[in-house]
Amino acid sequence: MKHATMRWLAAAVALAGIASASPAQAAPSDPPFGPIRMNATAYYGTLDVIARETLGLKAQFTTWDGHPVAGLPIQFTTTGERFPLCEATTDFGGWAECKNGPVPPPVSLANLLVNGYDAVWQGNRRFAPVSAHNNIGIG
């Protein structure tokens, strides 16, 4: 019995030494199974036709299990034409918002009213790309 215990302890010490010396035990910089999937939700925005600017374009970005993601540069674009409207970075709650921004000249106001806008995250090594769509009304 004493001999079996000594062999078991020797094996445990050897395995602990291998595990601590292995470079695979370093903190991973990438998720083990590829980029993390995310959810995106865009909210209804408005358009001031006279001032030719959008108001209240906002979206929330969370991980698949509901945790907000901060620090993502989000592009707000027109649906269809894909012209950029504005860009905002997500806060600690996962929210990105363009409170008001001028509509660039090549963008059709009719396209904005008919097709709406998209909030787009292009993706990186850590988070997979995702986008959300919603409408814009006259405000």
C-alpha atoms as a PDB file:
ATOM      1  CA  MET A   1       0.000   0.000   0.000  1.00  0.00           C
ATOM      2  CA  LYS A   2       2.813   2.338   0.859  1.00  0.00           C
ATOM      3  CA  HIS A   3       4.548   1.657  -2.478  1.00  0.00           C
ATOM      4  CA  ALA A   4       1.352   2.436  -4.490  1.00  0.00           C
ATOM      5  CA  THR A   5       0.908   5.755  -2.671  1.00  0.00           C
ATOM      6  CA  MET A   6       4.493   6.758  -3.406  1.00  0.00           C
ATOM      7  CA  ARG A   7       4.021   5.941  -7.131  1.00  0.00           C
ATOM      8  CA  TRP A   8       0.814   7.963  -7.209  1.00  0.00           C
ATOM      9  CA  LEU A   9       2.487  10.970  -5.580  1.00  0.00           C
ATOM     10  CA  ALA A  10       5.428  10.754  -8.001  1.00  0.00           C
ATOM     11  CA  ALA A  11       3.049  10.673 -10.975  1.00  0.00           C
ATOM     12  CA  ALA A  12       1.089  13.665  -9.628  1.00  0.00           C
ATOM     13  CA  VAL A  13       4.273  15.713  -9.128  1.00  0.00           C
ATOM     14  CA  ALA A  14       5.483  14.826 -12.636  1.00  0.00           C
ATOM     15  CA  LEU A  15       2.176  15.848 -14.198  1.00  0.00           C
ATOM     16  CA  ALA A  16       2.096  19.109 -12.242  1.00  0.00           C
ATOM     17  CA  GLY A  17       5.607  19.914 -13.461  1.00  0.00           C
ATOM     18  CA  ILE A  18       4.665  19.224 -17.080  1.00  0.00           C
ATOM     19  CA  ALA A  19       1.478  21.289 -16.847  1.00  0.00           C
ATOM     20  CA  SER A  20       3.235  24.307 -15.329  1.00  0.00           C
ATOM     21  CA  ALA A  21       6.103  24.186 -17.853  1.00  0.00           C
ATOM     22  CA  SER A  22       3.862  23.775 -20.897  1.00  0.00           C
ATOM     23  CA  PRO A  23       3.513  26.905 -23.088  1.00  0.00           C
ATOM     24  CA  ALA A  24      -0.094  25.886 -23.801  1.00  0.00           C
ATOM     25  CA  GLN A  25      -0.982  26.887 -20.246  1.00  0.00           C
ATOM     26  CA  ALA A  26      -0.366  30.595 -20.981  1.00  0.00           C
ATOM     27  CA  ALA A  27      -3.394  32.868 -21.022  1.00  0.00           C
ATOM     28  CA  PRO A  28      -5.093  32.467 -24.408  1.00  0.00           C
ATOM     29  CA  SER A  29      -5.430  35.584 -26.544  1.00  0.00           C
ATOM     30  CA  ASP A  30      -8.088  34.021 -28.793  1.00  0.00           C
ATOM     31  CA  PRO A  31     -11.188  32.086 -27.821  1.00  0.00           C
ATOM     32  CA  PRO A  32     -10.613  28.326 -28.128  1.00  0.00           C
ATOM     33  CA  PHE A  33     -13.362  27.806 -30.722  1.00  0.00           C
ATOM     34  CA  GLY A  34     -13.128  30.920 -32.903  1.00  0.00           C
ATOM     35  CA  PRO A  35     -14.719  34.352 -32.527  1.00  0.00           C
ATOM     36  CA  ILE A  36     -17.474  34.847 -29.952  1.00  0.00           C
ATOM     37  CA  ARG A  37     -20.939  35.117 -31.476  1.00  0.00           C
ATOM     38  CA  MET A  38     -22.882  38.250 -30.596  1.00  0.00           C
ATOM     39  CA  ASN A  39     -26.403  39.659 -30.655  1.00  0.00           C
ATOM     40  CA  ALA A  40     -27.224  43.106 -31.987  1.00  0.00           C
ATOM     41  CA  THR A  41     -30.440  45.075 -31.592  1.00  0.00           C
ATOM     42  CA  ALA A  42     -31.068  48.350 -33.432  1.00  0.00           C
ATOM     43  CA  TYR A  43     -33.735  50.814 -32.314  1.00  0.00           C
ATOM     44  CA  TYR A  44     -36.100  53.045 -34.257  1.00  0.00           C
ATOM     45  CA  GLY A  45     -34.470  56.303 -35.389  1.00  0.00           C
ATOM     46  CA  THR A  46     -35.874  59.549 -36.756  1.00  0.00           C
ATOM     47  CA  LEU A  47     -35.020  61.875 -39.616  1.00  0.00           C
ATOM     48  CA  ASP A  48     -35.256  65.656 -39.578  1.00  0.00           C
ATOM     49  CA  VAL A  49     -35.930  66.307 -43.263  1.00  0.00           C
ATOM     50  CA  ILE A  50     -35.495  70.096 -43.092  1.00  0.00           C
ATOM     51  CA  ALA A  51     -32.146  69.949 -41.249  1.00  0.00           C
ATOM     52  CA  ARG A  52     -31.194  66.803 -43.236  1.00  0.00           C
ATOM     53  CA  GLU A  53     -29.954  64.918 -40.175  1.00  0.00           C
ATOM     54  CA  THR A  54     -30.670  61.659 -38.398  1.00  0.00           C
ATOM     55  CA  LEU A  55     -31.642  61.596 -34.732  1.00  0.00           C
ATOM     56  CA  GLY A  56     -31.316  58.821 -32.164  1.00  0.00           C
ATOM     57  CA  LEU A  57     -29.745  56.011 -34.157  1.00  0.00           C
ATOM     58  CA  LYS A  58     -28.757  53.488 -31.495  1.00  0.00           C
ATOM     59  CA  ALA A  59     -28.003  49.820 -31.103  1.00  0.00           C
ATOM     60  CA  GLN A  60     -26.948  47.447 -28.355  1.00  0.00           C
ATOM     61  CA  PHE A  61     -24.318  44.729 -28.772  1.00  0.00           C
ATOM     62  CA  THR A  62     -24.084  41.800 -26.373  1.00  0.00           C
ATOM     63  CA  THR A  63     -22.443  38.397 -26.316  1.00  0.00           C
ATOM     64  CA  TRP A  64     -24.633  35.419 -27.137  1.00  0.00           C
ATOM     65  CA  ASP A  65     -25.306  34.899 -23.406  1.00  0.00           C
ATOM     66  CA  GLY A  66     -26.343  38.544 -22.811  1.00  0.00           C
ATOM     67  CA  HIS A  67     -23.198  40.267 -21.519  1.00  0.00           C
ATOM     68  CA  PRO A  68     -22.689  43.784 -22.976  1.00  0.00           C
ATOM     69  CA  VAL A  69     -19.551  44.375 -25.034  1.00  0.00           C
ATOM     70  CA  ALA A  70     -17.728  47.707 -24.638  1.00  0.00           C
ATOM     71  CA  GLY A  71     -15.287  49.403 -26.993  1.00  0.00           C
ATOM     72  CA  LEU A  72     -16.593  48.198 -30.368  1.00  0.00           C
ATOM     73  CA  PRO A  73     -16.557  50.758 -33.214  1.00  0.00           C
ATOM     74  CA  ILE A  74     -20.033  50.496 -34.770  1.00  0.00           C
ATOM     75  CA  GLN A  75     -20.832  51.845 -38.221  1.00  0.00           C
ATOM     76  CA  PHE A  76     -24.334  53.127 -38.896  1.00  0.00           C
ATOM     77  CA  THR A  77     -25.068  52.819 -42.621  1.00  0.00           C
ATOM     78  CA  THR A  78     -28.000  53.144 -44.993  1.00  0.00           C
ATOM     79  CA  THR A  79     -29.675  49.912 -45.966  1.00  0.00           C
ATOM     80  CA  GLY A  80     -29.296  49.131 -49.633  1.00  0.00           C
ATOM     81  CA  GLU A  81     -26.915  51.924 -50.635  1.00  0.00           C
ATOM     82  CA  ARG A  82     -24.560  51.157 -47.703  1.00  0.00           C
ATOM     83  CA  PHE A  83     -23.411  54.766 -47.354  1.00  0.00           C
ATOM     84  CA  PRO A  84     -21.977  55.576 -43.909  1.00  0.00           C
ATOM     85  CA  LEU A  85     -24.140  57.820 -41.733  1.00  0.00           C
ATOM     86  CA  CYS A  86     -22.024  57.932 -38.558  1.00  0.00           C
ATOM     87  CA  GLU A  87     -19.835  55.860 -36.279  1.00  0.00           C
ATOM     88  CA  ALA A  88     -20.040  55.345 -32.524  1.00  0.00           C
ATOM     89  CA  THR A  89     -18.221  53.197 -29.964  1.00  0.00           C
ATOM     90  CA  THR A  90     -20.119  50.917 -27.587  1.00  0.00           C
ATOM     91  CA  ASP A  91     -20.127  51.951 -23.938  1.00  0.00           C
ATOM     92  CA  PHE A  92     -19.970  49.654 -20.885  1.00  0.00           C
ATOM     93  CA  GLY A  93     -23.638  48.745 -21.397  1.00  0.00           C
ATOM     94  CA  GLY A  94     -22.981  47.680 -24.995  1.00  0.00           C
ATOM     95  CA  TRP A  95     -24.797  50.746 -26.413  1.00  0.00           C
ATOM     96  CA  ALA A  96     -23.629  52.701 -29.442  1.00  0.00           C
ATOM     97  CA  GLU A  97     -25.576  55.845 -30.336  1.00  0.00           C
ATOM     98  CA  CYS A  98     -25.428  58.629 -32.885  1.00  0.00           C
ATOM     99  CA  LYS A  99     -27.619  61.256 -31.234  1.00  0.00           C
ATOM    100  CA  ASN A 100     -27.713  63.459 -34.323  1.00  0.00           C
ATOM    101  CA  GLY A 101     -25.668  63.559 -37.454  1.00  0.00           C
ATOM    102  CA  PRO A 102     -25.882  65.162 -40.873  1.00  0.00           C
ATOM    103  CA  VAL A 103     -26.945  62.959 -43.759  1.00  0.00           C
ATOM    104  CA  PRO A 104     -24.182  63.060 -46.395  1.00  0.00           C
ATOM    105  CA  PRO A 105     -25.230  64.460 -49.818  1.00  0.00           C
ATOM    106  CA  PRO A 106     -25.097  61.219 -51.832  1.00  0.00           C
ATOM    107  CA  VAL A 107     -27.550  59.559 -49.416  1.00  0.00           C
ATOM    108  CA  SER A 108     -31.143  59.586 -50.556  1.00  0.00           C
ATOM    109  CA  LEU A 109     -33.601  60.694 -47.864  1.00  0.00           C
ATOM    110  CA  ALA A 110     -36.245  58.542 -49.568  1.00  0.00           C
ATOM    111  CA  ASN A 111     -33.983  55.489 -49.210  1.00  0.00           C
ATOM    112  CA  LEU A 112     -33.564  56.182 -45.487  1.00  0.00           C
ATOM    113  CA  LEU A 113     -37.311  56.460 -44.974  1.00  0.00           C
ATOM    114  CA  VAL A 114     -38.157  53.396 -47.056  1.00  0.00           C
ATOM    115  CA  ASN A 115     -35.302  51.038 -46.164  1.00  0.00           C
ATOM    116  CA  GLY A 116     -34.036  52.247 -42.775  1.00  0.00           C
ATOM    117  CA  TYR A 117     -30.519  51.819 -41.426  1.00  0.00           C
ATOM    118  CA  ASP A 118     -28.103  49.140 -40.275  1.00  0.00           C
ATOM    119  CA  ALA A 119     -25.797  49.110 -37.247  1.00  0.00           C
ATOM    120  CA  VAL A 120     -22.776  47.058 -38.298  1.00  0.00           C
ATOM    121  CA  TRP A 121     -19.893  45.499 -36.386  1.00  0.00           C
ATOM    122  CA  GLN A 122     -17.277  44.265 -38.899  1.00  0.00           C
ATOM    123  CA  GLY A 123     -15.782  41.689 -36.535  1.00  0.00           C
ATOM    124  CA  ASN A 124     -12.268  40.891 -35.359  1.00  0.00           C
ATOM    125  CA  ARG A 125     -10.378  37.874 -33.998  1.00  0.00           C
ATOM    126  CA  ARG A 126     -12.313  37.948 -30.726  1.00  0.00           C
ATOM    127  CA  PHE A 127     -15.889  38.859 -31.777  1.00  0.00           C
ATOM    128  CA  ALA A 128     -17.714  37.629 -34.878  1.00  0.00           C
ATOM    129  CA  PRO A 129     -19.313  40.177 -37.247  1.00  0.00           C
ATOM    130  CA  VAL A 130     -22.946  41.071 -36.624  1.00  0.00           C
ATOM    131  CA  SER A 131     -25.441  43.684 -37.772  1.00  0.00           C
ATOM    132  CA  ALA A 132     -28.908  44.862 -36.835  1.00  0.00           C
ATOM    133  CA  HIS A 133     -31.547  46.682 -38.850  1.00  0.00           C
ATOM    134  CA  ASN A 134     -34.365  49.083 -38.011  1.00  0.00           C
ATOM    135  CA  ASN A 135     -36.462  51.804 -39.598  1.00  0.00           C
ATOM    136  CA  ILE A 136     -36.208  55.558 -39.615  1.00  0.00           C
ATOM    137  CA  GLY A 137     -39.269  57.776 -39.464  1.00  0.00           C
ATOM    138  CA  ILE A 138     -39.852  61.503 -39.849  1.00  0.00           C
ATOM    139  CA  GLY A 139     -39.297  63.230 -36.536  1.00  0.00           C
END
